Amino acid sequence: MTRGLLNSPFLLGFDHLEKLLERNAKSAGDAYPPYNIEELPGGPQSGLRITLAVAGFAKDEISVTVEDRQLVIRGKQIEAGDKTFLHRGIAARQFLRSFVLADGIEVKSAALENGLLKIDLVRPDIKPSVRVVDIKNGGLQ
């Protein structure tokens, strides 16, 4: 098996991380919709907020999902077929924006207000744990 970026023999089981990095690199070129990422009060350990500029989109035209450690935001405007445009300068374009989430990051809430979609992320406190593995005589079962 050929290993890529994470080819150290000490990084076992990180193949999924390499796939996430590749997927993220492919989608990095799209600039729509624009977004901000900010720390919530208390620093990055308490939470983050992603704000996307989605003017013209209604709540039911946007979906926010978590898929395989990725936050995925999709938008598709529903076009009214009975309108006749003399000039069309506002495009009704769909979008897909995704963010790779680190282990432990959870989506707390999402709200749409004044054309801005705000998504709050939290990192719950993770208590370190130690587990002792029993060593048996004989073969593995």
Protein backbone atom coordinates (compact mmCIF):
# COMPACT_ATOMS: atom_id res chain seq x y z
CA MET A 1 0.00 0.00 0.00
CA THR A 2 1.34 3.43 -0.94
CA ARG A 3 1.19 6.05 1.79
CA GLY A 4 0.91 9.78 1.13
CA LEU A 5 1.55 12.81 3.32
CA LEU A 6 1.18 10.98 6.61
CA ASN A 7 3.66 8.22 5.79
CA SER A 8 5.26 7.85 9.22
CA PRO A 9 4.97 4.34 10.67
CA PHE A 10 3.97 5.99 13.97
CA LEU A 11 0.82 7.57 12.48
CA LEU A 12 -1.36 4.48 12.24
CA GLY A 13 -5.02 4.85 11.37
CA PHE A 14 -4.78 8.43 10.07
CA ASP A 15 -5.77 7.55 6.50
CA HIS A 16 -9.14 9.28 7.02
CA LEU A 17 -7.32 12.49 7.95
CA GLU A 18 -5.37 12.44 4.71
CA LYS A 19 -8.62 11.97 2.75
CA LEU A 20 -10.16 14.94 4.60
CA LEU A 21 -7.15 17.11 3.73
CA GLU A 22 -7.39 16.13 0.06
CA ARG A 23 -11.14 16.86 -0.01
CA ASN A 24 -10.57 20.22 1.68
CA ALA A 25 -7.86 21.19 -0.81
CA LYS A 26 -10.23 20.51 -3.73
CA SER A 27 -12.95 22.80 -2.35
CA ALA A 28 -10.59 25.60 -1.22
CA GLY A 29 -10.75 27.43 -4.57
CA ASP A 30 -14.45 28.36 -4.38
CA ALA A 31 -14.96 31.77 -2.77
CA TYR A 32 -18.79 31.77 -2.60
CA PRO A 33 -20.32 32.43 -0.21
CA PRO A 34 -17.82 34.57 1.69
CA TYR A 35 -17.38 33.71 5.37
CA ASN A 36 -15.70 34.72 8.62
CA ILE A 37 -14.43 32.49 11.41
CA GLU A 38 -14.10 34.03 14.85
CA GLU A 39 -13.35 32.96 18.39
CA LEU A 40 -16.19 33.25 20.85
CA PRO A 41 -15.46 35.00 24.17
CA GLY A 42 -13.21 32.76 26.22
CA GLY A 43 -10.87 31.79 23.39
CA PRO A 44 -10.78 28.88 20.96
CA GLN A 45 -11.28 26.33 23.72
CA SER A 46 -14.73 27.73 24.50
CA GLY A 47 -15.97 27.96 20.92
CA LEU A 48 -15.87 29.28 17.39
CA ARG A 49 -18.43 30.99 15.15
CA ILE A 50 -18.59 30.65 11.38
CA THR A 51 -20.57 33.43 9.68
CA LEU A 52 -21.55 33.05 6.02
CA ALA A 53 -23.00 35.86 3.88
CA VAL A 54 -26.08 34.22 2.33
CA ALA A 55 -28.16 37.24 1.32
CA GLY A 56 -31.31 36.30 -0.57
CA PHE A 57 -31.53 32.77 0.85
CA ALA A 58 -34.48 31.78 3.04
CA LYS A 59 -34.09 29.40 5.97
CA ASP A 60 -35.68 26.51 4.07
CA GLU A 61 -33.23 27.00 1.17
CA ILE A 62 -30.18 26.28 3.37
CA SER A 63 -29.13 23.03 5.01
CA VAL A 64 -26.44 22.53 7.65
CA THR A 65 -25.21 18.96 8.20
CA VAL A 66 -22.26 17.15 9.74
CA GLU A 67 -21.00 14.41 7.43
CA ASP A 68 -17.95 12.31 8.24
CA ARG A 69 -16.29 14.98 10.45
CA GLN A 70 -17.15 17.74 7.98
CA LEU A 71 -19.54 20.62 8.52
CA VAL A 72 -21.39 20.96 5.20
CA ILE A 73 -23.54 23.99 4.35
CA ARG A 74 -25.64 23.80 1.19
CA GLY A 75 -27.81 26.49 -0.34
CA LYS A 76 -30.19 26.31 -3.27
CA GLN A 77 -32.66 29.09 -4.01
CA ILE A 78 -36.11 28.16 -5.20
CA GLU A 79 -36.86 30.08 -8.36
CA ALA A 80 -40.31 31.46 -8.98
CA GLY A 81 -41.17 30.40 -12.52
CA ASP A 82 -43.80 33.10 -13.05
CA LYS A 83 -41.38 36.06 -13.02
CA THR A 84 -40.25 37.87 -16.15
CA PHE A 85 -36.91 39.65 -15.66
CA LEU A 86 -36.03 42.73 -17.68
CA HIS A 87 -32.59 42.64 -16.08
CA ARG A 88 -31.17 39.90 -13.91
CA GLY A 89 -28.19 41.06 -11.83
CA ILE A 90 -28.85 38.97 -8.73
CA ALA A 91 -27.90 35.41 -9.50
CA ALA A 92 -29.84 32.62 -7.85
CA ARG A 93 -26.87 30.33 -7.55
CA GLN A 94 -26.48 27.31 -5.37
CA PHE A 95 -23.49 26.71 -3.14
CA LEU A 96 -21.76 24.08 -1.08
CA ARG A 97 -19.26 25.14 1.60
CA SER A 98 -17.56 22.60 3.85
CA PHE A 99 -15.25 22.79 6.86
CA VAL A 100 -13.27 19.90 8.34
CA LEU A 101 -14.01 19.53 12.06
CA ALA A 102 -11.35 18.40 14.51
CA ASP A 103 -12.18 15.56 16.88
CA GLY A 104 -14.31 16.83 19.73
CA ILE A 105 -15.73 19.84 17.87
CA GLU A 106 -19.53 19.86 17.84
CA VAL A 107 -22.08 22.09 16.17
CA LYS A 108 -23.98 23.89 18.92
CA SER A 109 -26.45 25.98 16.90
CA ALA A 110 -27.17 27.74 13.61
CA ALA A 111 -29.18 30.93 13.05
CA LEU A 112 -30.07 33.01 9.98
CA GLU A 113 -30.44 36.75 10.55
CA ASN A 114 -30.21 39.70 8.14
CA GLY A 115 -28.63 37.60 5.38
CA LEU A 116 -25.97 36.12 7.68
CA LEU A 117 -25.90 32.45 8.65
CA LYS A 118 -24.15 32.06 12.01
CA ILE A 119 -23.00 28.61 13.11
CA ASP A 120 -21.59 28.19 16.62
CA LEU A 121 -19.16 25.37 17.32
CA VAL A 122 -18.10 24.16 20.76
CA ARG A 123 -15.33 21.97 22.06
CA PRO A 124 -16.61 20.16 25.16
CA ASP A 125 -14.08 19.53 27.90
CA ILE A 126 -12.51 16.13 27.33
CA LYS A 127 -11.19 14.47 30.42
CA PRO A 128 -8.01 12.48 29.81
CA SER A 129 -8.33 8.81 30.55
CA VAL A 130 -5.94 5.92 30.99
CA ARG A 131 -6.97 2.36 30.27
CA VAL A 132 -4.85 -0.60 31.31
CA VAL A 133 -4.81 -3.41 28.74
CA ASP A 134 -4.66 -6.89 30.24
CA ILE A 135 -1.90 -9.10 28.80
CA LYS A 136 -2.98 -12.73 28.36
CA ASN A 137 -0.91 -15.87 27.90
CA GLY A 138 -1.26 -17.58 24.53
CA GLY A 139 -2.71 -16.36 21.27
CA LEU A 140 -5.00 -13.44 20.62
CA GLN A 141 -8.75 -13.98 20.44
